[in-house]
Amino acid sequence: MRKKMNLSQREVADKLQIMGYDIDKNAIQRIESGQRFVTDIEVQALAAVFDVSIPELFKKDLEI
């Protein structure tokens, strides 16, 4: 979804930090690679950043 929106990992992290979440570029990288757990609050914030519903975040058939 991040790539589809032409956002860098840094840009996503910056948007989350503006919203008050302590997430950096490295955390975004670990989330994308499956090496970091994502809390329910972070899922909600990511949905807001990408302007999608929470179920949309979990779709596996996203076109990139």
PDB file of N, CA and C in Angstrom:
ATOM      1  N   MET A   1       0.829  -1.182   0.000  1.00  0.00           N
ATOM      2  CA  MET A   1       0.000   0.000   0.000  1.00  0.00           C
ATOM      3  C   MET A   1       0.878   1.252   0.000  1.00  0.00           C
ATOM      4  N   ARG A   2       1.957   1.211   0.764  1.00  0.00           N
ATOM      5  CA  ARG A   2       2.880   2.347   0.821  1.00  0.00           C
ATOM      6  C   ARG A   2       3.448   2.626  -0.567  1.00  0.00           C
ATOM      7  N   LYS A   3       3.885   1.576  -1.236  1.00  0.00           N
ATOM      8  CA  LYS A   3       4.466   1.739  -2.566  1.00  0.00           C
ATOM      9  C   LYS A   3       3.410   2.207  -3.569  1.00  0.00           C
ATOM     10  N   LYS A   4       2.217   1.691  -3.440  1.00  0.00           N
ATOM     11  CA  LYS A   4       1.126   2.085  -4.336  1.00  0.00           C
ATOM     12  C   LYS A   4       0.856   3.589  -4.227  1.00  0.00           C
ATOM     13  N   MET A   5       1.044   4.132  -3.043  1.00  0.00           N
ATOM     14  CA  MET A   5       0.813   5.553  -2.804  1.00  0.00           C
ATOM     15  C   MET A   5       2.084   6.384  -3.018  1.00  0.00           C
ATOM     16  N   ASN A   6       3.154   5.736  -3.475  1.00  0.00           N
ATOM     17  CA  ASN A   6       4.427   6.412  -3.723  1.00  0.00           C
ATOM     18  C   ASN A   6       4.963   7.126  -2.488  1.00  0.00           C
ATOM     19  N   LEU A   7       4.852   6.462  -1.340  1.00  0.00           N
ATOM     20  CA  LEU A   7       5.387   7.001  -0.094  1.00  0.00           C
ATOM     21  C   LEU A   7       6.634   6.218   0.301  1.00  0.00           C
ATOM     22  N   SER A   8       7.619   6.917   0.800  1.00  0.00           N
ATOM     23  CA  SER A   8       8.803   6.237   1.318  1.00  0.00           C
ATOM     24  C   SER A   8       8.512   5.761   2.742  1.00  0.00           C
ATOM     25  N   GLN A   9       9.344   4.869   3.223  1.00  0.00           N
ATOM     26  CA  GLN A   9       9.199   4.421   4.611  1.00  0.00           C
ATOM     27  C   GLN A   9       9.374   5.610   5.550  1.00  0.00           C
ATOM     28  N   ARG A  10      10.265   6.512   5.228  1.00  0.00           N
ATOM     29  CA  ARG A  10      10.484   7.720   6.036  1.00  0.00           C
ATOM     30  C   ARG A  10       9.224   8.576   6.071  1.00  0.00           C
ATOM     31  N   GLU A  11       8.557   8.734   4.934  1.00  0.00           N
ATOM     32  CA  GLU A  11       7.345   9.557   4.889  1.00  0.00           C
ATOM     33  C   GLU A  11       6.231   8.953   5.741  1.00  0.00           C
ATOM     34  N   VAL A  12       6.089   7.641   5.695  1.00  0.00           N
ATOM     35  CA  VAL A  12       5.077   6.982   6.522  1.00  0.00           C
ATOM     36  C   VAL A  12       5.413   7.187   7.993  1.00  0.00           C
ATOM     37  N   ALA A  13       6.682   6.989   8.347  1.00  0.00           N
ATOM     38  CA  ALA A  13       7.108   7.185   9.741  1.00  0.00           C
ATOM     39  C   ALA A  13       6.863   8.624  10.175  1.00  0.00           C
ATOM     40  N   ASP A  14       7.173   9.576   9.305  1.00  0.00           N
ATOM     41  CA  ASP A  14       6.958  10.992   9.637  1.00  0.00           C
ATOM     42  C   ASP A  14       5.483  11.286   9.898  1.00  0.00           C
ATOM     43  N   LYS A  15       4.612  10.737   9.058  1.00  0.00           N
ATOM     44  CA  LYS A  15       3.169  10.948   9.244  1.00  0.00           C
ATOM     45  C   LYS A  15       2.701  10.359  10.579  1.00  0.00           C
ATOM     46  N   LEU A  16       3.215   9.192  10.915  1.00  0.00           N
ATOM     47  CA  LEU A  16       2.850   8.568  12.191  1.00  0.00           C
ATOM     48  C   LEU A  16       3.393   9.368  13.368  1.00  0.00           C
ATOM     49  N   GLN A  17       4.596   9.901  13.233  1.00  0.00           N
ATOM     50  CA  GLN A  17       5.175  10.714  14.311  1.00  0.00           C
ATOM     51  C   GLN A  17       4.360  11.983  14.522  1.00  0.00           C
ATOM     52  N   ILE A  18       3.892  12.594  13.443  1.00  0.00           N
ATOM     53  CA  ILE A  18       3.046  13.787  13.561  1.00  0.00           C
ATOM     54  C   ILE A  18       1.763  13.460  14.318  1.00  0.00           C
ATOM     55  N   MET A  19       1.283  12.221  14.140  1.00  0.00           N
ATOM     56  CA  MET A  19       0.076  11.779  14.836  1.00  0.00           C
ATOM     57  C   MET A  19       0.358  11.385  16.288  1.00  0.00           C
ATOM     58  N   GLY A  20       1.639  11.402  16.687  1.00  0.00           N
ATOM     59  CA  GLY A  20       1.982  11.119  18.075  1.00  0.00           C
ATOM     60  C   GLY A  20       2.512   9.722  18.349  1.00  0.00           C
ATOM     61  N   TYR A  21       2.854   8.974  17.297  1.00  0.00           N
ATOM     62  CA  TYR A  21       3.363   7.614  17.478  1.00  0.00           C
ATOM     63  C   TYR A  21       4.881   7.604  17.353  1.00  0.00           C
ATOM     64  N   ASP A  22       5.536   6.868  18.220  1.00  0.00           N
ATOM     65  CA  ASP A  22       6.995   6.783  18.236  1.00  0.00           C
ATOM     66  C   ASP A  22       7.446   5.653  17.314  1.00  0.00           C
ATOM     67  N   ILE A  23       7.359   5.912  16.019  1.00  0.00           N
ATOM     68  CA  ILE A  23       7.724   4.919  15.006  1.00  0.00           C
ATOM     69  C   ILE A  23       8.674   5.590  14.023  1.00  0.00           C
ATOM     70  N   ASP A  24       9.813   4.952  13.788  1.00  0.00           N
ATOM     71  CA  ASP A  24      10.776   5.508  12.837  1.00  0.00           C
ATOM     72  C   ASP A  24      10.815   4.671  11.558  1.00  0.00           C
ATOM     73  N   LYS A  25      11.654   5.094  10.618  1.00  0.00           N
ATOM     74  CA  LYS A  25      11.776   4.403   9.335  1.00  0.00           C
ATOM     75  C   LYS A  25      12.151   2.941   9.524  1.00  0.00           C
ATOM     76  N   ASN A  26      13.035   2.665  10.469  1.00  0.00           N
ATOM     77  CA  ASN A  26      13.453   1.287  10.709  1.00  0.00           C
ATOM     78  C   ASN A  26      12.288   0.425  11.191  1.00  0.00           C
ATOM     79  N   ALA A  27      11.403   1.004  11.987  1.00  0.00           N
ATOM     80  CA  ALA A  27      10.232   0.259  12.457  1.00  0.00           C
ATOM     81  C   ALA A  27       9.313  -0.075  11.283  1.00  0.00           C
ATOM     82  N   ILE A  28       9.150   0.874  10.368  1.00  0.00           N
ATOM     83  CA  ILE A  28       8.325   0.619   9.177  1.00  0.00           C
ATOM     84  C   ILE A  28       8.941  -0.507   8.357  1.00  0.00           C
ATOM     85  N   GLN A  29      10.253  -0.476   8.210  1.00  0.00           N
ATOM     86  CA  GLN A  29      10.951  -1.530   7.475  1.00  0.00           C
ATOM     87  C   GLN A  29      10.739  -2.897   8.125  1.00  0.00           C
ATOM     88  N   ARG A  30      10.823  -2.951   9.454  1.00  0.00           N
ATOM     89  CA  ARG A  30      10.628  -4.217  10.167  1.00  0.00           C
ATOM     90  C   ARG A  30       9.179  -4.687  10.080  1.00  0.00           C
ATOM     91  N   ILE A  31       8.230  -3.753  10.109  1.00  0.00           N
ATOM     92  CA  ILE A  31       6.820  -4.117   9.958  1.00  0.00           C
ATOM     93  C   ILE A  31       6.605  -4.752   8.589  1.00  0.00           C
ATOM     94  N   GLU A  32       7.135  -4.115   7.551  1.00  0.00           N
ATOM     95  CA  GLU A  32       6.948  -4.623   6.191  1.00  0.00           C
ATOM     96  C   GLU A  32       7.591  -5.984   5.983  1.00  0.00           C
ATOM     97  N   SER A  33       8.682  -6.251   6.681  1.00  0.00           N
ATOM     98  CA  SER A  33       9.368  -7.532   6.515  1.00  0.00           C
ATOM     99  C   SER A  33       8.842  -8.601   7.466  1.00  0.00           C
ATOM    100  N   GLY A  34       7.879  -8.225   8.317  1.00  0.00           N
ATOM    101  CA  GLY A  34       7.298  -9.178   9.248  1.00  0.00           C
ATOM    102  C   GLY A  34       8.137  -9.428  10.487  1.00  0.00           C
ATOM    103  N   GLN A  35       9.094  -8.560  10.750  1.00  0.00           N
ATOM    104  CA  GLN A  35       9.980  -8.723  11.894  1.00  0.00           C
ATOM    105  C   GLN A  35       9.534  -7.934  13.121  1.00  0.00           C
ATOM    106  N   ARG A  36       8.451  -7.179  12.985  1.00  0.00           N
ATOM    107  CA  ARG A  36       7.971  -6.363  14.103  1.00  0.00           C
ATOM    108  C   ARG A  36       6.470  -6.531  14.251  1.00  0.00           C
ATOM    109  N   PHE A  37       6.038  -6.705  15.483  1.00  0.00           N
ATOM    110  CA  PHE A  37       4.623  -6.793  15.820  1.00  0.00           C
ATOM    111  C   PHE A  37       3.992  -5.407  15.673  1.00  0.00           C
ATOM    112  N   VAL A  38       2.768  -5.350  15.181  1.00  0.00           N
ATOM    113  CA  VAL A  38       2.039  -4.091  15.043  1.00  0.00           C
ATOM    114  C   VAL A  38       0.884  -4.102  16.031  1.00  0.00           C
ATOM    115  N   THR A  39       0.831  -3.111  16.902  1.00  0.00           N
ATOM    116  CA  THR A  39      -0.248  -3.055  17.895  1.00  0.00           C
ATOM    117  C   THR A  39      -1.558  -2.639  17.227  1.00  0.00           C
ATOM    118  N   ASP A  40      -2.647  -2.865  17.927  1.00  0.00           N
ATOM    119  CA  ASP A  40      -3.951  -2.478  17.390  1.00  0.00           C
ATOM    120  C   ASP A  40      -4.038  -0.974  17.175  1.00  0.00           C
ATOM    121  N   ILE A  41      -3.431  -0.207  18.055  1.00  0.00           N
ATOM    122  CA  ILE A  41      -3.435   1.253  17.918  1.00  0.00           C
ATOM    123  C   ILE A  41      -2.643   1.667  16.676  1.00  0.00           C
ATOM    124  N   GLU A  42      -1.529   0.984  16.418  1.00  0.00           N
ATOM    125  CA  GLU A  42      -0.728   1.289  15.231  1.00  0.00           C
ATOM    126  C   GLU A  42      -1.461   0.913  13.953  1.00  0.00           C
ATOM    127  N   VAL A  43      -2.221  -0.167  13.986  1.00  0.00           N
ATOM    128  CA  VAL A  43      -3.028  -0.557  12.824  1.00  0.00           C
ATOM    129  C   VAL A  43      -4.023   0.550  12.507  1.00  0.00           C
ATOM    130  N   GLN A  44      -4.653   1.068  13.530  1.00  0.00           N
ATOM    131  CA  GLN A  44      -5.613   2.154  13.353  1.00  0.00           C
ATOM    132  C   GLN A  44      -4.925   3.386  12.756  1.00  0.00           C
ATOM    133  N   ALA A  45      -3.725   3.700  13.242  1.00  0.00           N
ATOM    134  CA  ALA A  45      -2.983   4.854  12.737  1.00  0.00           C
ATOM    135  C   ALA A  45      -2.554   4.633  11.284  1.00  0.00           C
ATOM    136  N   LEU A  46      -2.114   3.435  10.964  1.00  0.00           N
ATOM    137  CA  LEU A  46      -1.714   3.144   9.584  1.00  0.00           C
ATOM    138  C   LEU A  46      -2.906   3.262   8.636  1.00  0.00           C
ATOM    139  N   ALA A  47      -4.058   2.807   9.070  1.00  0.00           N
ATOM    140  CA  ALA A  47      -5.260   2.952   8.248  1.00  0.00           C
ATOM    141  C   ALA A  47      -5.547   4.428   7.990  1.00  0.00           C
ATOM    142  N   ALA A  48      -5.343   5.261   8.993  1.00  0.00           N
ATOM    143  CA  ALA A  48      -5.558   6.697   8.833  1.00  0.00           C
ATOM    144  C   ALA A  48      -4.534   7.297   7.864  1.00  0.00           C
ATOM    145  N   VAL A  49      -3.280   6.899   7.995  1.00  0.00           N
ATOM    146  CA  VAL A  49      -2.224   7.406   7.107  1.00  0.00           C
ATOM    147  C   VAL A  49      -2.542   7.063   5.657  1.00  0.00           C
ATOM    148  N   PHE A  50      -2.984   5.833   5.418  1.00  0.00           N
ATOM    149  CA  PHE A  50      -3.268   5.397   4.055  1.00  0.00           C
ATOM    150  C   PHE A  50      -4.696   5.718   3.614  1.00  0.00           C
ATOM    151  N   ASP A  51      -5.489   6.293   4.523  1.00  0.00           N
ATOM    152  CA  ASP A  51      -6.873   6.680   4.245  1.00  0.00           C
ATOM    153  C   ASP A  51      -7.694   5.496   3.730  1.00  0.00           C
ATOM    154  N   VAL A  52      -7.584   4.385   4.468  1.00  0.00           N
ATOM    155  CA  VAL A  52      -8.343   3.174   4.145  1.00  0.00           C
ATOM    156  C   VAL A  52      -8.959   2.619   5.427  1.00  0.00           C
ATOM    157  N   SER A  53      -9.861   1.678   5.270  1.00  0.00           N
ATOM    158  CA  SER A  53     -10.424   1.011   6.445  1.00  0.00           C
ATOM    159  C   SER A  53      -9.400  -0.003   6.962  1.00  0.00           C
ATOM    160  N   ILE A  54      -9.571  -0.411   8.195  1.00  0.00           N
ATOM    161  CA  ILE A  54      -8.654  -1.401   8.771  1.00  0.00           C
ATOM    162  C   ILE A  54      -8.681  -2.712   7.972  1.00  0.00           C
ATOM    163  N   PRO A  55      -9.838  -3.233   7.578  1.00  0.00           N
ATOM    164  CA  PRO A  55      -9.818  -4.464   6.770  1.00  0.00           C
ATOM    165  C   PRO A  55      -9.021  -4.319   5.464  1.00  0.00           C
ATOM    166  N   GLU A  56      -9.019  -3.117   4.888  1.00  0.00           N
ATOM    167  CA  GLU A  56      -8.247  -2.886   3.654  1.00  0.00           C
ATOM    168  C   GLU A  56      -6.763  -3.143   3.872  1.00  0.00           C
ATOM    169  N   LEU A  57      -6.263  -2.853   5.076  1.00  0.00           N
ATOM    170  CA  LEU A  57      -4.843  -3.067   5.366  1.00  0.00           C
ATOM    171  C   LEU A  57      -4.447  -4.529   5.280  1.00  0.00           C
ATOM    172  N   PHE A  58      -5.401  -5.401   5.491  1.00  0.00           N
ATOM    173  CA  PHE A  58      -5.100  -6.830   5.552  1.00  0.00           C
ATOM    174  C   PHE A  58      -5.394  -7.570   4.258  1.00  0.00           C
ATOM    175  N   LYS A  59      -5.797  -6.859   3.214  1.00  0.00           N
ATOM    176  CA  LYS A  59      -6.029  -7.501   1.927  1.00  0.00           C
ATOM    177  C   LYS A  59      -4.700  -7.945   1.343  1.00  0.00           C
ATOM    178  N   LYS A  60      -4.667  -9.169   0.856  1.00  0.00           N
ATOM    179  CA  LYS A  60      -3.428  -9.709   0.297  1.00  0.00           C
ATOM    180  C   LYS A  60      -3.336  -9.481  -1.206  1.00  0.00           C
ATOM    181  N   ASP A  61      -4.417  -9.130  -1.835  1.00  0.00           N
ATOM    182  CA  ASP A  61      -4.424  -9.017  -3.297  1.00  0.00           C
ATOM    183  C   ASP A  61      -4.324  -7.570  -3.776  1.00  0.00           C
ATOM    184  N   LEU A  62      -3.573  -6.743  -3.069  1.00  0.00           N
ATOM    185  CA  LEU A  62      -3.404  -5.356  -3.481  1.00  0.00           C
ATOM    186  C   LEU A  62      -2.578  -5.302  -4.760  1.00  0.00           C
ATOM    187  N   GLU A  63      -3.009  -4.479  -5.667  1.00  0.00           N
ATOM    188  CA  GLU A  63      -2.238  -4.278  -6.888  1.00  0.00           C
ATOM    189  C   GLU A  63      -1.183  -3.227  -6.629  1.00  0.00           C
ATOM    190  N   ILE A  64       0.052  -3.540  -6.990  1.00  0.00           N
ATOM    191  CA  ILE A  64       1.160  -2.593  -6.756  1.00  0.00           C
ATOM    192  C   ILE A  64       1.587  -2.004  -8.079  1.00  0.00           C
TER     193      ILE A  64
END
